[in-house]
Structures are given as C-alpha cells and as structure tokens.
C-alpha cells in the first residue's frame, strides 16, 4: 500500500506541474498507478477502507511514504546541484577558451 500511495503522490505532483503532458498523452494518474501495480480501483478502495479503519497502521504507512519522498527529494536536489556545477564549469571553460582565442587573435602581427 505504501508503494501505491508513494507513486500516487509522485504522479499527482507531476500532473500539477506538467498537466499538458498528461492531457496530450491521455494519462489519468490514478489509473496509471493502479495499472502499474496491477490493482483495480475496487481493490484499492477496499484496501484504503481497511486501512482507514486502522488509523495507527494507516499513519505508519504514511510515515513510510513521507520518509521515502524526503529521501528521494534530497537525492534529486544533490543530483541537480551536481548537474548545475558541471554545467557551470563547462560554461566557464568555454568562456575562458574564447577569451584565450581572442587574446591570441589580437596579439598576432
């Protein structure tokens, strides 16, 4: 259940920021997630109803999901920082090469 809830959170967040992509590809987030886990909507509703009747267990599931999402978020932030650093270094190297090329061209007799 935690896997399904986590995936739904991710897909729904993606839909919020990229709703046009979902519309263009005719993707409905809940259907997508349920089919990925080979669960039909009735099975999901029954499982959800079961866990709602056990609040402590449901809370434990949501804490698992929250921890996973926080871990994923940190990993993505680190990857983005690394990618940005590499891009910035490449831009600096290209700018330096252009300056050196210009200096060479300017210093020729």
N, C-alpha and C. Protein backbone atom coordinates (compact mmCIF):
# COMPACT_ATOMS: atom_id res chain seq x y z
N UNK A 1 0.83 -1.19 0.00
CA UNK A 1 0.00 0.00 0.00
C UNK A 1 0.87 1.26 0.00
N UNK A 2 1.98 1.20 0.74
CA UNK A 2 2.88 2.35 0.78
C UNK A 2 3.43 2.66 -0.61
N UNK A 3 3.74 1.62 -1.38
CA UNK A 3 4.27 1.83 -2.73
C UNK A 3 3.25 2.55 -3.61
N UNK A 4 2.00 2.14 -3.51
CA UNK A 4 0.95 2.75 -4.33
C UNK A 4 0.74 4.21 -3.92
N UNK A 5 0.66 4.46 -2.63
CA UNK A 5 0.44 5.84 -2.15
C UNK A 5 1.61 6.73 -2.54
N UNK A 6 2.83 6.21 -2.42
CA UNK A 6 4.01 6.99 -2.81
C UNK A 6 3.96 7.33 -4.30
N UNK A 7 3.68 6.33 -5.11
CA UNK A 7 3.62 6.55 -6.56
C UNK A 7 2.51 7.54 -6.92
N UNK A 8 1.37 7.45 -6.24
CA UNK A 8 0.28 8.39 -6.50
C UNK A 8 0.70 9.82 -6.15
N UNK A 9 1.42 9.97 -5.06
CA UNK A 9 1.89 11.31 -4.67
C UNK A 9 2.82 11.87 -5.73
N UNK A 10 3.72 11.05 -6.23
CA UNK A 10 4.68 11.50 -7.24
C UNK A 10 3.97 11.85 -8.54
N UNK A 11 3.11 10.97 -9.00
CA UNK A 11 2.41 11.19 -10.27
C UNK A 11 1.47 12.40 -10.17
N UNK A 12 0.79 12.55 -9.05
CA UNK A 12 -0.09 13.71 -8.90
C UNK A 12 0.70 15.02 -8.83
N UNK A 13 1.87 14.98 -8.22
CA UNK A 13 2.73 16.18 -8.21
C UNK A 13 3.20 16.50 -9.62
N UNK A 14 3.55 15.46 -10.37
CA UNK A 14 3.97 15.66 -11.76
C UNK A 14 2.82 16.24 -12.58
N UNK A 15 1.63 15.75 -12.34
CA UNK A 15 0.47 16.26 -13.08
C UNK A 15 0.24 17.73 -12.78
N UNK A 16 0.47 18.12 -11.55
CA UNK A 16 0.29 19.52 -11.17
C UNK A 16 1.23 20.43 -11.95
N UNK A 17 2.46 19.97 -12.16
CA UNK A 17 3.43 20.82 -12.86
C UNK A 17 3.46 20.59 -14.36
N UNK A 18 2.96 19.45 -14.83
CA UNK A 18 3.00 19.13 -16.26
C UNK A 18 1.65 18.63 -16.76
N UNK A 19 0.58 19.32 -16.41
CA UNK A 19 -0.75 18.83 -16.76
C UNK A 19 -0.95 18.69 -18.26
N UNK A 20 -0.32 19.55 -19.05
CA UNK A 20 -0.47 19.47 -20.50
C UNK A 20 0.07 18.15 -21.04
N UNK A 21 1.17 17.67 -20.50
CA UNK A 21 1.76 16.40 -20.93
C UNK A 21 0.79 15.26 -20.64
N UNK A 22 0.18 15.29 -19.48
CA UNK A 22 -0.78 14.25 -19.13
C UNK A 22 -1.99 14.29 -20.07
N UNK A 23 -2.47 15.50 -20.36
CA UNK A 23 -3.62 15.63 -21.27
C UNK A 23 -3.25 15.15 -22.68
N UNK A 24 -2.11 15.60 -23.18
CA UNK A 24 -1.67 15.24 -24.54
C UNK A 24 -1.52 13.73 -24.69
N UNK A 25 -1.08 13.06 -23.64
CA UNK A 25 -0.86 11.61 -23.70
C UNK A 25 -2.02 10.82 -23.12
N UNK A 26 -3.10 11.54 -22.80
CA UNK A 26 -4.32 10.92 -22.28
C UNK A 26 -4.02 10.00 -21.09
N UNK A 27 -3.27 10.53 -20.13
CA UNK A 27 -2.90 9.76 -18.94
C UNK A 27 -3.71 10.27 -17.75
N UNK A 28 -4.37 9.37 -17.08
CA UNK A 28 -5.08 9.68 -15.85
C UNK A 28 -4.24 9.10 -14.72
N UNK A 29 -3.72 9.95 -13.82
CA UNK A 29 -2.76 9.50 -12.81
C UNK A 29 -3.18 8.29 -11.98
N UNK A 30 -4.39 8.29 -11.46
CA UNK A 30 -4.82 7.18 -10.60
C UNK A 30 -4.85 5.87 -11.40
N UNK A 31 -5.42 5.92 -12.60
CA UNK A 31 -5.47 4.72 -13.43
C UNK A 31 -4.06 4.23 -13.77
N UNK A 32 -3.17 5.16 -14.06
CA UNK A 32 -1.79 4.81 -14.39
C UNK A 32 -1.13 4.06 -13.23
N UNK A 33 -1.25 4.61 -12.02
CA UNK A 33 -0.61 3.99 -10.85
C UNK A 33 -1.22 2.63 -10.55
N UNK A 34 -2.53 2.55 -10.56
CA UNK A 34 -3.17 1.27 -10.24
C UNK A 34 -2.79 0.20 -11.26
N UNK A 35 -2.73 0.57 -12.53
CA UNK A 35 -2.35 -0.43 -13.54
C UNK A 35 -0.88 -0.83 -13.38
N UNK A 36 -0.04 0.10 -12.98
CA UNK A 36 1.38 -0.21 -12.76
C UNK A 36 1.52 -1.29 -11.68
N UNK A 37 0.70 -1.21 -10.65
CA UNK A 37 0.77 -2.18 -9.56
C UNK A 37 -0.23 -3.33 -9.73
N UNK A 38 -0.86 -3.37 -10.91
CA UNK A 38 -1.82 -4.43 -11.22
C UNK A 38 -2.92 -4.55 -10.16
N UNK A 39 -3.46 -3.38 -9.82
CA UNK A 39 -4.54 -3.30 -8.83
C UNK A 39 -5.69 -2.58 -9.51
N UNK A 40 -6.91 -3.09 -9.35
CA UNK A 40 -8.04 -2.36 -9.91
C UNK A 40 -8.58 -1.39 -8.87
N UNK A 41 -9.43 -0.48 -9.32
CA UNK A 41 -9.91 0.57 -8.42
C UNK A 41 -10.69 0.00 -7.24
N UNK A 42 -11.42 -1.07 -7.44
CA UNK A 42 -12.17 -1.68 -6.34
C UNK A 42 -11.23 -2.24 -5.28
N UNK A 43 -10.18 -2.92 -5.72
CA UNK A 43 -9.19 -3.45 -4.76
C UNK A 43 -8.57 -2.31 -3.96
N UNK A 44 -8.25 -1.22 -4.66
CA UNK A 44 -7.64 -0.08 -3.97
C UNK A 44 -8.60 0.52 -2.95
N UNK A 45 -9.85 0.72 -3.34
CA UNK A 45 -10.84 1.30 -2.43
C UNK A 45 -11.04 0.41 -1.21
N UNK A 46 -11.09 -0.90 -1.44
CA UNK A 46 -11.26 -1.81 -0.31
C UNK A 46 -10.04 -1.79 0.62
N UNK A 47 -8.85 -1.74 0.05
CA UNK A 47 -7.64 -1.65 0.87
C UNK A 47 -7.62 -0.34 1.64
N UNK A 48 -7.97 0.74 0.95
CA UNK A 48 -7.99 2.05 1.60
C UNK A 48 -9.00 2.05 2.75
N UNK A 49 -10.16 1.49 2.52
CA UNK A 49 -11.18 1.41 3.56
C UNK A 49 -10.67 0.59 4.76
N UNK A 50 -9.98 -0.50 4.48
CA UNK A 50 -9.41 -1.33 5.54
C UNK A 50 -8.44 -0.52 6.40
N UNK A 51 -7.51 0.19 5.73
CA UNK A 51 -6.51 0.94 6.49
C UNK A 51 -7.10 2.15 7.21
N UNK A 52 -8.13 2.73 6.64
CA UNK A 52 -8.82 3.84 7.33
C UNK A 52 -9.40 3.34 8.64
N UNK A 53 -9.82 2.09 8.67
CA UNK A 53 -10.39 1.54 9.90
C UNK A 53 -9.31 1.21 10.93
N UNK A 54 -8.06 1.30 10.53
CA UNK A 54 -6.92 1.04 11.43
C UNK A 54 -5.98 2.26 11.36
N UNK A 55 -6.37 3.34 12.04
CA UNK A 55 -5.63 4.60 11.93
C UNK A 55 -4.14 4.49 12.25
N UNK A 56 -3.78 3.71 13.23
CA UNK A 56 -2.35 3.60 13.57
C UNK A 56 -1.56 2.98 12.42
N UNK A 57 -2.11 1.97 11.80
CA UNK A 57 -1.46 1.32 10.66
C UNK A 57 -1.40 2.26 9.46
N UNK A 58 -2.48 2.99 9.23
CA UNK A 58 -2.52 3.94 8.12
C UNK A 58 -1.49 5.05 8.33
N UNK A 59 -1.39 5.51 9.57
CA UNK A 59 -0.40 6.54 9.88
C UNK A 59 1.02 6.02 9.64
N UNK A 60 1.27 4.77 10.03
CA UNK A 60 2.58 4.17 9.81
C UNK A 60 2.91 4.12 8.31
N UNK A 61 1.92 3.78 7.49
CA UNK A 61 2.13 3.74 6.04
C UNK A 61 2.48 5.13 5.52
N UNK A 62 1.77 6.14 5.97
CA UNK A 62 2.03 7.50 5.50
C UNK A 62 3.39 8.01 5.98
N UNK A 63 3.83 7.59 7.15
CA UNK A 63 5.17 7.97 7.63
C UNK A 63 6.24 7.32 6.76
N UNK A 64 6.02 6.09 6.35
CA UNK A 64 6.95 5.41 5.43
C UNK A 64 7.03 6.18 4.12
N UNK A 65 5.87 6.54 3.59
CA UNK A 65 5.81 7.28 2.33
C UNK A 65 6.51 8.62 2.47
N UNK A 66 6.24 9.32 3.56
CA UNK A 66 6.84 10.63 3.79
C UNK A 66 8.37 10.52 3.84
N UNK A 67 8.87 9.52 4.53
CA UNK A 67 10.32 9.33 4.64
C UNK A 67 10.93 9.04 3.27
N UNK A 68 10.28 8.18 2.50
CA UNK A 68 10.78 7.86 1.16
C UNK A 68 10.82 9.10 0.28
N UNK A 69 9.75 9.89 0.33
CA UNK A 69 9.68 11.10 -0.50
C UNK A 69 10.75 12.11 -0.09
N UNK A 70 11.00 12.24 1.20
CA UNK A 70 12.06 13.13 1.67
C UNK A 70 13.43 12.65 1.19
N UNK A 71 13.67 11.35 1.26
CA UNK A 71 14.94 10.78 0.80
C UNK A 71 15.11 11.02 -0.70
N UNK A 72 14.04 10.78 -1.47
CA UNK A 72 14.10 11.00 -2.92
C UNK A 72 14.34 12.47 -3.23
N UNK A 73 13.70 13.34 -2.48
CA UNK A 73 13.86 14.78 -2.70
C UNK A 73 15.30 15.21 -2.46
N UNK A 74 15.90 14.72 -1.38
CA UNK A 74 17.29 15.05 -1.10
C UNK A 74 18.21 14.54 -2.19
N UNK A 75 17.98 13.33 -2.65
CA UNK A 75 18.81 12.74 -3.71
C UNK A 75 18.68 13.56 -5.00
N UNK A 76 17.46 13.97 -5.32
CA UNK A 76 17.26 14.77 -6.54
C UNK A 76 17.91 16.14 -6.41
N UNK A 77 17.85 16.74 -5.23
CA UNK A 77 18.50 18.04 -5.01
C UNK A 77 20.01 17.92 -5.18
N UNK A 78 20.59 16.87 -4.64
CA UNK A 78 22.03 16.66 -4.78
C UNK A 78 22.40 16.44 -6.25
N UNK A 79 21.62 15.66 -6.95
CA UNK A 79 21.89 15.40 -8.37
C UNK A 79 21.78 16.69 -9.17
N UNK A 80 20.79 17.52 -8.83
CA UNK A 80 20.62 18.80 -9.54
C UNK A 80 21.80 19.72 -9.27
N UNK A 81 22.24 19.79 -8.02
CA UNK A 81 23.40 20.62 -7.70
C UNK A 81 24.64 20.17 -8.47
N UNK A 82 24.83 18.86 -8.54
CA UNK A 82 25.98 18.31 -9.26
C UNK A 82 25.88 18.65 -10.75
N UNK A 83 24.70 18.46 -11.32
CA UNK A 83 24.49 18.77 -12.73
C UNK A 83 24.72 20.25 -13.00
N UNK A 84 24.20 21.11 -12.11
CA UNK A 84 24.38 22.55 -12.26
C UNK A 84 25.86 22.93 -12.17
N UNK A 85 26.59 22.29 -11.26
CA UNK A 85 28.02 22.56 -11.11
C UNK A 85 28.79 22.17 -12.37
N UNK A 86 28.45 21.03 -12.93
CA UNK A 86 29.11 20.57 -14.15
C UNK A 86 28.81 21.53 -15.30
N UNK A 87 27.54 21.94 -15.41
CA UNK A 87 27.15 22.89 -16.47
C UNK A 87 27.87 24.22 -16.31
N UNK A 88 27.95 24.72 -15.07
CA UNK A 88 28.62 25.98 -14.81
C UNK A 88 30.11 25.89 -15.13
N UNK A 89 30.75 24.80 -14.76
CA UNK A 89 32.17 24.62 -15.07
C UNK A 89 32.39 24.60 -16.58
N UNK A 90 31.51 23.91 -17.30
CA UNK A 90 31.62 23.85 -18.75
C UNK A 90 31.49 25.25 -19.36
N UNK A 91 30.54 26.04 -18.86
CA UNK A 91 30.35 27.40 -19.36
C UNK A 91 31.60 28.25 -19.08
N UNK A 92 32.16 28.10 -17.88
CA UNK A 92 33.37 28.86 -17.55
C UNK A 92 34.54 28.45 -18.44
N UNK A 93 34.69 27.15 -18.67
CA UNK A 93 35.77 26.65 -19.53
C UNK A 93 35.61 27.18 -20.95
N UNK A 94 34.38 27.19 -21.45
CA UNK A 94 34.12 27.70 -22.81
C UNK A 94 34.42 29.19 -22.89
N UNK A 95 34.03 29.94 -21.86
CA UNK A 95 34.29 31.37 -21.84
C UNK A 95 35.79 31.64 -21.79
N UNK A 96 36.50 30.87 -20.99
CA UNK A 96 37.95 31.01 -20.89
C UNK A 96 38.61 30.71 -22.23
N UNK A 97 38.17 29.66 -22.89
CA UNK A 97 38.74 29.29 -24.20
C UNK A 97 38.49 30.40 -25.21
N UNK A 98 37.30 31.00 -25.19
CA UNK A 98 37.01 32.11 -26.10
C UNK A 98 37.89 33.33 -25.82
N UNK A 99 38.09 33.63 -24.53
CA UNK A 99 38.96 34.76 -24.18
C UNK A 99 40.39 34.51 -24.66
N UNK A 100 40.88 33.29 -24.44
CA UNK A 100 42.24 32.95 -24.86
C UNK A 100 42.37 33.02 -26.38
N UNK A 101 41.35 32.55 -27.08
CA UNK A 101 41.36 32.60 -28.55
C UNK A 101 41.37 34.04 -29.03
N UNK A 102 40.57 34.89 -28.36
CA UNK A 102 40.52 36.31 -28.73
C UNK A 102 41.86 36.98 -28.45
N UNK A 103 42.48 36.67 -27.30
CA UNK A 103 43.78 37.24 -26.98
C UNK A 103 44.83 36.83 -28.00
N UNK A 104 44.81 35.60 -28.42
CA UNK A 104 45.75 35.12 -29.44
C UNK A 104 45.54 35.87 -30.74
N UNK A 105 44.27 36.01 -31.13
CA UNK A 105 43.94 36.68 -32.39
C UNK A 105 44.36 38.15 -32.32
N UNK A 106 44.17 38.79 -31.17
CA UNK A 106 44.51 40.20 -31.01
C UNK A 106 46.01 40.42 -30.97
N UNK A 107 46.76 39.41 -30.53
CA UNK A 107 48.21 39.61 -30.37
C UNK A 107 49.00 39.24 -31.63
N UNK A 108 48.35 38.68 -32.63
CA UNK A 108 49.07 38.35 -33.87
C UNK A 108 49.45 39.61 -34.63
N UNK A 109 50.64 39.58 -35.29
CA UNK A 109 51.07 40.79 -36.02
C UNK A 109 50.23 41.08 -37.23
